[in-house]
Amino acid sequence: MLRSAAASFLGSHTNRIDAKGRVAAPADFRRALDLTAFNGFFCVPSVREAKLDCGGPDYIENLKLMIGRLRPFSAERRALERTILGRAKPISFDADGRFIIPKELREHAGIEGEACFVGLGDTFEIRSPGAFSDELSDLTEIAADALALLENPFPDAVGDGQ
């Protein structure tokens, strides 16, 4: 499912974590979640990096659909079911829009003191602010090169050369 711009997770935000492990979710991320069905989001420890992959109920549904396309009982399907779905955690907001990042998830992502929320459109990440800053400097060059790979997404727009 492709989210509308208003319902997308965009930008990055760094918020402090209190002694109990609570952190305030960015207000625009809370607005992007459909909080009528579930007052929170889902969080999965990344299998590739020290970060948490997060999203609303649609995120989990999409993961289930993708994994479900694999052959039943295959090693790949079992591995993804166990490492992704088996470790997914529902995270609920309190009345102030805060939530607790469970200790095992904070440890996986190397989060201490502050959490960086990185919007990815349909999903978002929670990670260490330092790790995000380090990665962003490496990714900027790749992103600049990747722009050349994109076709004009608005072929009817003025100034497209036709």
Protein backbone atom coordinates (compact mmCIF):
# COMPACT_ATOMS: atom_id res chain seq x y z
CA MET A 1 0.00 0.00 0.00
CA LEU A 2 1.34 3.40 -0.94
CA ARG A 3 0.65 6.04 1.70
CA SER A 4 -0.51 9.53 0.81
CA ALA A 5 1.91 12.37 1.52
CA ALA A 6 -0.10 13.40 4.59
CA ALA A 7 0.00 9.84 5.96
CA SER A 8 3.70 9.28 5.20
CA PHE A 9 6.60 9.08 7.64
CA LEU A 10 8.89 11.90 6.55
CA GLY A 11 11.92 13.65 8.01
CA SER A 12 14.08 12.72 10.95
CA HIS A 13 13.63 13.58 14.61
CA THR A 14 15.83 12.93 17.64
CA ASN A 15 14.10 12.65 21.03
CA ARG A 16 15.43 11.94 24.50
CA ILE A 17 14.75 8.65 26.26
CA ASP A 18 13.95 8.89 29.97
CA ALA A 19 15.23 6.58 32.72
CA LYS A 20 12.23 4.26 32.28
CA GLY A 21 12.99 3.84 28.57
CA ARG A 22 10.14 6.11 27.43
CA VAL A 23 10.46 8.37 24.43
CA ALA A 24 7.98 10.73 22.78
CA ALA A 25 6.99 9.78 19.26
CA PRO A 26 7.20 12.62 16.74
CA ALA A 27 3.74 14.18 16.40
CA ASP A 28 3.75 13.90 12.60
CA PHE A 29 4.60 10.18 12.84
CA ARG A 30 1.66 9.69 15.23
CA ARG A 31 -0.60 11.48 12.74
CA ALA A 32 0.64 9.20 9.95
CA LEU A 33 -0.39 6.10 11.88
CA ASP A 34 -3.99 4.96 11.79
CA LEU A 35 -4.47 5.11 15.55
CA THR A 36 -8.14 4.15 15.39
CA ALA A 37 -7.34 0.45 14.96
CA PHE A 38 -4.29 0.30 17.23
CA ASN A 39 -2.91 3.10 19.41
CA GLY A 40 0.70 2.48 18.50
CA PHE A 41 2.91 0.87 15.89
CA PHE A 42 4.86 -2.30 15.21
CA CYS A 43 8.60 -2.62 15.61
CA VAL A 44 10.95 -5.28 14.22
CA PRO A 45 14.69 -5.54 14.94
CA SER A 46 16.43 -5.25 11.57
CA VAL A 47 18.10 -8.41 10.35
CA ARG A 48 20.70 -6.34 8.48
CA GLU A 49 21.61 -3.41 10.71
CA ALA A 50 21.57 -2.13 14.28
CA LYS A 51 18.20 -0.40 13.92
CA LEU A 52 14.48 -0.97 14.39
CA ASP A 53 12.15 -1.17 11.40
CA CYS A 54 8.71 0.23 12.25
CA GLY A 55 5.30 0.98 10.81
CA GLY A 56 1.59 0.72 11.28
CA PRO A 57 -0.62 -2.34 10.88
CA ASP A 58 -0.20 -2.07 7.09
CA TYR A 59 3.55 -2.60 7.55
CA ILE A 60 3.03 -5.96 9.25
CA GLU A 61 0.35 -6.96 6.73
CA ASN A 62 2.74 -6.19 3.84
CA LEU A 63 5.52 -8.21 5.49
CA LYS A 64 3.15 -11.14 5.95
CA LEU A 65 2.07 -10.94 2.30
CA MET A 66 5.65 -10.84 1.02
CA ILE A 67 6.75 -13.73 3.23
CA GLY A 68 3.60 -15.66 2.30
CA ARG A 69 4.67 -15.67 -1.35
CA LEU A 70 7.56 -17.98 -0.50
CA ARG A 71 7.13 -21.76 -0.63
CA PRO A 72 5.48 -23.15 2.50
CA PHE A 73 7.97 -24.94 4.75
CA SER A 74 10.99 -23.57 2.84
CA ALA A 75 14.04 -22.64 4.92
CA GLU A 76 13.84 -19.05 3.64
CA ARG A 77 10.21 -18.67 4.65
CA ARG A 78 10.82 -20.17 8.10
CA ALA A 79 13.83 -17.90 8.60
CA LEU A 80 11.86 -14.77 7.69
CA GLU A 81 8.82 -15.79 9.73
CA ARG A 82 10.96 -16.35 12.80
CA THR A 83 13.39 -13.43 12.50
CA ILE A 84 10.82 -10.86 11.37
CA LEU A 85 7.31 -11.89 12.41
CA GLY A 86 8.53 -13.82 15.45
CA ARG A 87 10.38 -10.79 16.81
CA ALA A 88 7.83 -8.11 15.83
CA LYS A 89 6.54 -6.17 18.82
CA PRO A 90 3.42 -4.05 19.08
CA ILE A 91 4.36 -0.78 20.78
CA SER A 92 1.54 1.23 22.38
CA PHE A 93 1.43 4.96 23.01
CA ASP A 94 0.50 6.36 26.41
CA ALA A 95 -1.86 9.34 26.78
CA ASP A 96 1.05 11.76 26.10
CA GLY A 97 2.20 10.08 22.88
CA ARG A 98 5.15 8.42 24.58
CA PHE A 99 6.07 4.77 24.40
CA ILE A 100 8.61 2.41 25.90
CA ILE A 101 11.25 0.89 23.68
CA PRO A 102 11.80 -2.55 25.26
CA LYS A 103 15.32 -3.10 26.55
CA GLU A 104 16.14 -5.87 24.03
CA LEU A 105 15.16 -3.57 21.16
CA ARG A 106 17.21 -0.67 22.55
CA GLU A 107 20.19 -2.99 22.88
CA HIS A 108 19.75 -4.33 19.32
CA ALA A 109 19.71 -0.79 17.90
CA GLY A 110 22.43 0.58 20.19
CA ILE A 111 20.04 3.24 21.47
CA GLU A 112 21.10 5.02 24.66
CA GLY A 113 19.81 8.37 25.86
CA GLU A 114 18.34 9.49 22.53
CA ALA A 115 16.44 7.83 19.71
CA CYS A 116 16.47 9.03 16.11
CA PHE A 117 13.25 8.52 14.12
CA VAL A 118 13.90 8.35 10.38
CA GLY A 119 10.90 8.58 8.05
CA LEU A 120 11.01 6.33 5.00
CA GLY A 121 7.61 7.16 3.54
CA ASP A 122 5.55 4.02 4.20
CA THR A 123 7.65 2.98 7.22
CA PHE A 124 10.17 4.48 9.62
CA GLU A 125 13.29 3.49 11.52
CA ILE A 126 14.33 4.06 15.09
CA ARG A 127 18.08 4.08 15.56
CA SER A 128 20.99 5.66 17.32
CA PRO A 129 21.39 9.32 16.28
CA GLY A 130 25.14 8.82 15.82
CA ALA A 131 24.67 5.78 13.59
CA PHE A 132 22.18 7.70 11.45
CA SER A 133 24.52 10.68 11.13
CA ASP A 134 27.44 8.43 10.15
CA GLU A 135 25.37 6.51 7.61
CA LEU A 136 23.81 9.65 6.13
CA SER A 137 27.20 11.04 5.14
CA ASP A 138 28.00 7.77 3.33
CA LEU A 139 24.57 7.58 1.67
CA THR A 140 24.55 11.15 0.36
CA GLU A 141 27.03 10.33 -2.40
CA ILE A 142 25.14 7.16 -3.36
CA ALA A 143 21.86 9.12 -3.37
CA ALA A 144 23.33 11.78 -5.65
CA ASP A 145 24.34 9.07 -8.14
CA ALA A 146 20.99 7.30 -7.74
CA LEU A 147 19.07 10.41 -8.81
CA ALA A 148 20.40 9.83 -12.33
CA LEU A 149 18.69 6.41 -12.35
CA LEU A 150 15.24 7.86 -11.78
CA GLU A 151 13.04 8.52 -14.74
CA ASN A 152 10.95 11.68 -14.77
CA PRO A 153 8.11 10.76 -12.39
CA PHE A 154 5.94 13.54 -13.86
CA PRO A 155 6.06 13.09 -17.67
CA ASP A 156 3.24 15.58 -18.24
CA ALA A 157 4.90 18.30 -16.14
CA VAL A 158 5.98 21.55 -17.73
CA GLY A 159 9.69 21.62 -18.52
CA ASP A 160 10.11 17.90 -19.14
CA GLY A 161 11.83 18.61 -22.45
CA GLN A 162 8.82 17.92 -24.74
